[in-house]
């Protein structure tokens, strides 16, 4: 079985917290990573940790896995 990454929770969490993509860029998330997130591609654990730190959330608020 193949796991599918869904970063829908990230965009919802960002909206709830009032965080913009520009703020992510200013805090070390680059354009390539934002593109990967928009296309539900793999990101590193370091990036996941960085997103959680910037937004103030947990990994469950960023990504969900589906089969």
C-alpha atoms as a PDB file:
ATOM      1  CA  UNK A   1       0.000   0.000   0.000  1.00  0.00           C
ATOM      2  CA  UNK A   2       1.147   3.506  -0.783  1.00  0.00           C
ATOM      3  CA  UNK A   3       0.812   6.283   1.754  1.00  0.00           C
ATOM      4  CA  UNK A   4      -0.434   9.596   0.411  1.00  0.00           C
ATOM      5  CA  UNK A   5       0.646  12.769   2.162  1.00  0.00           C
ATOM      6  CA  UNK A   6      -2.068  15.369   2.583  1.00  0.00           C
ATOM      7  CA  UNK A   7      -0.991  18.793   3.800  1.00  0.00           C
ATOM      8  CA  UNK A   8      -4.566  20.087   3.944  1.00  0.00           C
ATOM      9  CA  UNK A   9      -4.342  20.338   7.733  1.00  0.00           C
ATOM     10  CA  UNK A  10      -1.346  22.706   7.335  1.00  0.00           C
ATOM     11  CA  UNK A  11      -3.337  25.264   5.360  1.00  0.00           C
ATOM     12  CA  UNK A  12      -6.261  25.035   7.791  1.00  0.00           C
ATOM     13  CA  UNK A  13      -3.936  25.432  10.791  1.00  0.00           C
ATOM     14  CA  UNK A  14      -2.183  28.399   9.182  1.00  0.00           C
ATOM     15  CA  UNK A  15      -5.523  30.092   8.550  1.00  0.00           C
ATOM     16  CA  UNK A  16      -6.644  29.468  12.144  1.00  0.00           C
ATOM     17  CA  UNK A  17      -3.348  30.826  13.522  1.00  0.00           C
ATOM     18  CA  UNK A  18      -3.238  33.773  11.107  1.00  0.00           C
ATOM     19  CA  UNK A  19       0.065  32.610   9.563  1.00  0.00           C
ATOM     20  CA  UNK A  20       0.784  33.492   5.923  1.00  0.00           C
ATOM     21  CA  UNK A  21       3.037  31.838   3.365  1.00  0.00           C
ATOM     22  CA  UNK A  22       5.123  35.023   3.459  1.00  0.00           C
ATOM     23  CA  UNK A  23       5.733  34.470   7.167  1.00  0.00           C
ATOM     24  CA  UNK A  24       6.904  30.928   6.421  1.00  0.00           C
ATOM     25  CA  UNK A  25       9.311  32.279   3.813  1.00  0.00           C
ATOM     26  CA  UNK A  26      10.658  34.854   6.267  1.00  0.00           C
ATOM     27  CA  UNK A  27      11.245  32.090   8.849  1.00  0.00           C
ATOM     28  CA  UNK A  28      13.280  29.717   6.690  1.00  0.00           C
ATOM     29  CA  UNK A  29      10.784  27.748   4.598  1.00  0.00           C
ATOM     30  CA  UNK A  30      11.873  28.179   0.973  1.00  0.00           C
ATOM     31  CA  UNK A  31       9.780  28.405  -2.199  1.00  0.00           C
ATOM     32  CA  UNK A  32      10.701  24.861  -3.262  1.00  0.00           C
ATOM     33  CA  UNK A  33       9.377  23.494   0.032  1.00  0.00           C
ATOM     34  CA  UNK A  34       6.167  25.520  -0.266  1.00  0.00           C
ATOM     35  CA  UNK A  35       5.717  24.084  -3.758  1.00  0.00           C
ATOM     36  CA  UNK A  36       6.230  20.556  -2.386  1.00  0.00           C
ATOM     37  CA  UNK A  37       3.632  21.201   0.309  1.00  0.00           C
ATOM     38  CA  UNK A  38       1.122  22.482  -2.242  1.00  0.00           C
ATOM     39  CA  UNK A  39       1.673  19.370  -4.374  1.00  0.00           C
ATOM     40  CA  UNK A  40       1.536  16.969  -1.378  1.00  0.00           C
ATOM     41  CA  UNK A  41       5.114  15.788  -1.955  1.00  0.00           C
ATOM     42  CA  UNK A  42       7.592  14.522   0.645  1.00  0.00           C
ATOM     43  CA  UNK A  43       9.237  16.913   3.082  1.00  0.00           C
ATOM     44  CA  UNK A  44      11.970  16.170   5.612  1.00  0.00           C
ATOM     45  CA  UNK A  45      11.429  15.729   9.325  1.00  0.00           C
ATOM     46  CA  UNK A  46      13.569  18.834   9.828  1.00  0.00           C
ATOM     47  CA  UNK A  47      11.122  20.805   7.687  1.00  0.00           C
ATOM     48  CA  UNK A  48       8.162  19.354   9.564  1.00  0.00           C
ATOM     49  CA  UNK A  49       9.764  20.379  12.868  1.00  0.00           C
ATOM     50  CA  UNK A  50      10.466  23.858  11.507  1.00  0.00           C
ATOM     51  CA  UNK A  51       6.847  24.262  10.346  1.00  0.00           C
ATOM     52  CA  UNK A  52       5.552  23.170  13.747  1.00  0.00           C
ATOM     53  CA  UNK A  53       7.881  25.603  15.511  1.00  0.00           C
ATOM     54  CA  UNK A  54       6.915  28.536  13.257  1.00  0.00           C
ATOM     55  CA  UNK A  55       3.177  27.871  13.450  1.00  0.00           C
ATOM     56  CA  UNK A  56       3.092  26.644  17.045  1.00  0.00           C
ATOM     57  CA  UNK A  57       1.426  23.316  16.350  1.00  0.00           C
ATOM     58  CA  UNK A  58       2.002  19.553  16.261  1.00  0.00           C
ATOM     59  CA  UNK A  59       2.699  17.319  13.219  1.00  0.00           C
ATOM     60  CA  UNK A  60      -0.962  16.249  13.232  1.00  0.00           C
ATOM     61  CA  UNK A  61      -1.838  19.884  12.508  1.00  0.00           C
ATOM     62  CA  UNK A  62       0.390  19.809   9.414  1.00  0.00           C
ATOM     63  CA  UNK A  63      -0.035  16.470   7.656  1.00  0.00           C
ATOM     64  CA  UNK A  64      -2.297  13.462   7.498  1.00  0.00           C
ATOM     65  CA  UNK A  65      -1.566  10.148   5.836  1.00  0.00           C
ATOM     66  CA  UNK A  66      -4.018   8.218   3.714  1.00  0.00           C
ATOM     67  CA  UNK A  67      -3.675   4.955   1.862  1.00  0.00           C
END
